[in-house]
């Protein structure tokens, strides 16, 4: 998904238990892409470095 590529292009790929690809950006923000989420929809997860909550972007098409 192009949106995910634009969000993570300056990040470093993490090898963790995330069920997809997770990158950490230089400011500590985490950006992840799950092709199938709990709801079944592809999802981009963003966790800002100064927050404990994730922003979720779900794609219906």
N, C-alpha and C. Protein backbone atom coordinates (compact mmCIF):
# COMPACT_ATOMS: atom_id res chain seq x y z
N UNK A 1 0.86 -1.17 0.00
CA UNK A 1 0.00 0.00 0.00
C UNK A 1 0.90 1.23 0.00
N UNK A 2 0.66 2.13 -0.93
CA UNK A 2 1.50 3.30 -1.11
C UNK A 2 1.52 4.21 0.12
N UNK A 3 0.40 4.34 0.80
CA UNK A 3 0.34 5.18 2.01
C UNK A 3 1.36 4.68 3.04
N UNK A 4 1.41 3.38 3.25
CA UNK A 4 2.34 2.79 4.22
C UNK A 4 3.78 3.04 3.78
N UNK A 5 4.06 2.87 2.50
CA UNK A 5 5.42 3.10 1.99
C UNK A 5 5.84 4.54 2.21
N UNK A 6 4.93 5.48 2.02
CA UNK A 6 5.25 6.89 2.25
C UNK A 6 5.50 7.18 3.73
N UNK A 7 4.77 6.53 4.60
CA UNK A 7 4.92 6.77 6.04
C UNK A 7 6.21 6.19 6.60
N UNK A 8 6.69 5.08 6.04
CA UNK A 8 7.84 4.40 6.65
C UNK A 8 9.14 4.54 5.88
N UNK A 9 9.19 5.33 4.82
CA UNK A 9 10.37 5.33 3.96
C UNK A 9 11.66 5.74 4.65
N UNK A 10 11.58 6.45 5.76
CA UNK A 10 12.81 6.81 6.48
C UNK A 10 13.00 5.95 7.73
N UNK A 11 12.19 4.91 7.86
CA UNK A 11 12.24 4.08 9.07
C UNK A 11 13.12 2.86 8.94
N UNK A 12 13.30 2.20 10.08
CA UNK A 12 14.08 0.96 10.16
C UNK A 12 13.13 -0.19 10.48
N UNK A 13 13.20 -1.25 9.68
CA UNK A 13 12.35 -2.42 9.87
C UNK A 13 12.69 -3.11 11.19
N UNK A 14 11.66 -3.41 11.97
CA UNK A 14 11.84 -4.12 13.24
C UNK A 14 11.51 -5.59 13.05
N UNK A 15 12.24 -6.43 13.73
CA UNK A 15 11.92 -7.86 13.77
C UNK A 15 11.31 -8.12 15.14
N UNK A 16 9.98 -8.10 15.18
CA UNK A 16 9.28 -8.33 16.45
C UNK A 16 8.06 -9.21 16.20
N UNK A 17 7.20 -9.31 17.17
CA UNK A 17 6.04 -10.20 17.07
C UNK A 17 4.85 -9.56 16.37
N UNK A 18 5.01 -8.36 15.85
CA UNK A 18 3.92 -7.68 15.14
C UNK A 18 3.49 -8.53 13.95
N UNK A 19 2.19 -8.72 13.73
CA UNK A 19 1.71 -9.60 12.65
C UNK A 19 1.70 -8.92 11.28
N UNK A 20 2.82 -8.38 10.91
CA UNK A 20 2.98 -7.68 9.63
C UNK A 20 4.34 -7.02 9.62
N UNK A 21 4.46 -5.88 8.94
CA UNK A 21 5.71 -5.13 8.92
C UNK A 21 5.61 -3.94 9.87
N UNK A 22 6.62 -3.78 10.72
CA UNK A 22 6.66 -2.66 11.67
C UNK A 22 7.98 -1.93 11.49
N UNK A 23 7.89 -0.60 11.38
CA UNK A 23 9.07 0.25 11.24
C UNK A 23 9.11 1.23 12.39
N UNK A 24 10.32 1.61 12.80
CA UNK A 24 10.50 2.68 13.77
C UNK A 24 11.14 3.85 13.04
N UNK A 25 10.57 5.04 13.22
CA UNK A 25 11.08 6.24 12.59
C UNK A 25 12.11 6.90 13.50
N UNK A 26 12.84 7.86 12.98
CA UNK A 26 13.93 8.50 13.73
C UNK A 26 13.46 9.17 15.01
N UNK A 27 12.20 9.59 15.08
CA UNK A 27 11.68 10.24 16.29
C UNK A 27 11.06 9.24 17.27
N UNK A 28 11.14 7.95 16.96
CA UNK A 28 10.59 6.91 17.83
C UNK A 28 9.17 6.48 17.50
N UNK A 29 8.55 7.14 16.53
CA UNK A 29 7.21 6.75 16.09
C UNK A 29 7.25 5.36 15.46
N UNK A 30 6.26 4.54 15.78
CA UNK A 30 6.14 3.21 15.18
C UNK A 30 5.06 3.25 14.10
N UNK A 31 5.35 2.65 12.95
CA UNK A 31 4.40 2.57 11.84
C UNK A 31 4.36 1.12 11.39
N UNK A 32 3.17 0.52 11.45
CA UNK A 32 3.03 -0.88 11.08
C UNK A 32 1.92 -1.10 10.07
N UNK A 33 2.07 -2.17 9.30
CA UNK A 33 1.03 -2.56 8.33
C UNK A 33 0.68 -4.01 8.55
N UNK A 34 -0.62 -4.27 8.76
CA UNK A 34 -1.12 -5.64 8.88
C UNK A 34 -2.03 -5.90 7.69
N UNK A 35 -1.72 -6.88 6.85
CA UNK A 35 -2.58 -7.16 5.71
C UNK A 35 -3.96 -7.66 6.13
N UNK A 36 -4.03 -8.31 7.28
CA UNK A 36 -5.31 -8.76 7.84
C UNK A 36 -5.30 -8.42 9.33
N UNK A 37 -6.25 -7.59 9.76
CA UNK A 37 -6.35 -7.22 11.17
C UNK A 37 -7.42 -8.07 11.85
N UNK A 38 -7.68 -7.79 13.10
CA UNK A 38 -8.72 -8.51 13.84
C UNK A 38 -10.08 -8.39 13.14
N UNK A 39 -10.34 -7.21 12.57
CA UNK A 39 -11.60 -6.98 11.86
C UNK A 39 -11.60 -7.60 10.47
N UNK A 40 -10.44 -8.08 10.02
CA UNK A 40 -10.32 -8.66 8.70
C UNK A 40 -9.84 -7.69 7.64
N UNK A 41 -9.79 -6.40 7.99
CA UNK A 41 -9.40 -5.38 7.02
C UNK A 41 -7.91 -5.06 7.11
N UNK A 42 -7.26 -4.73 5.98
CA UNK A 42 -5.88 -4.26 6.04
C UNK A 42 -5.82 -2.99 6.89
N UNK A 43 -4.78 -2.88 7.73
CA UNK A 43 -4.71 -1.78 8.68
C UNK A 43 -3.29 -1.25 8.81
N UNK A 44 -3.17 0.08 8.86
CA UNK A 44 -1.92 0.74 9.21
C UNK A 44 -2.07 1.20 10.66
N UNK A 45 -1.10 0.84 11.49
CA UNK A 45 -1.07 1.25 12.89
C UNK A 45 0.05 2.26 13.08
N UNK A 46 -0.25 3.38 13.73
CA UNK A 46 0.75 4.41 14.00
C UNK A 46 0.74 4.69 15.50
N UNK A 47 1.91 4.61 16.12
CA UNK A 47 2.04 4.95 17.54
C UNK A 47 3.08 6.05 17.65
N UNK A 48 2.62 7.25 17.97
CA UNK A 48 3.53 8.37 18.13
C UNK A 48 4.43 8.13 19.33
N UNK A 49 5.65 8.63 19.25
CA UNK A 49 6.63 8.35 20.30
C UNK A 49 6.22 8.87 21.67
N UNK A 50 5.37 9.89 21.72
CA UNK A 50 4.96 10.46 23.00
C UNK A 50 3.55 10.02 23.43
N UNK A 51 3.07 8.91 22.89
CA UNK A 51 1.72 8.45 23.19
C UNK A 51 1.72 6.95 23.48
N UNK A 52 0.72 6.51 24.23
CA UNK A 52 0.54 5.08 24.49
C UNK A 52 -0.56 4.48 23.62
N UNK A 53 -1.19 5.30 22.80
CA UNK A 53 -2.30 4.84 21.97
C UNK A 53 -1.88 4.73 20.51
N UNK A 54 -2.52 3.80 19.81
CA UNK A 54 -2.30 3.62 18.38
C UNK A 54 -3.37 4.35 17.59
N UNK A 55 -2.96 4.95 16.49
CA UNK A 55 -3.89 5.48 15.49
C UNK A 55 -4.02 4.36 14.47
N UNK A 56 -5.25 3.99 14.12
CA UNK A 56 -5.47 2.89 13.18
C UNK A 56 -6.16 3.42 11.93
N UNK A 57 -5.58 3.08 10.78
CA UNK A 57 -6.17 3.43 9.49
C UNK A 57 -6.57 2.12 8.83
N UNK A 58 -7.86 1.93 8.62
CA UNK A 58 -8.37 0.69 8.02
C UNK A 58 -8.78 0.95 6.58
N UNK A 59 -8.47 -0.01 5.71
CA UNK A 59 -8.76 0.11 4.28
C UNK A 59 -9.88 -0.86 3.90
N UNK A 60 -10.96 -0.31 3.37
CA UNK A 60 -12.10 -1.15 2.98
C UNK A 60 -12.01 -1.57 1.53
N UNK A 61 -11.20 -0.92 0.75
CA UNK A 61 -11.03 -1.30 -0.67
C UNK A 61 -9.58 -1.30 -1.04
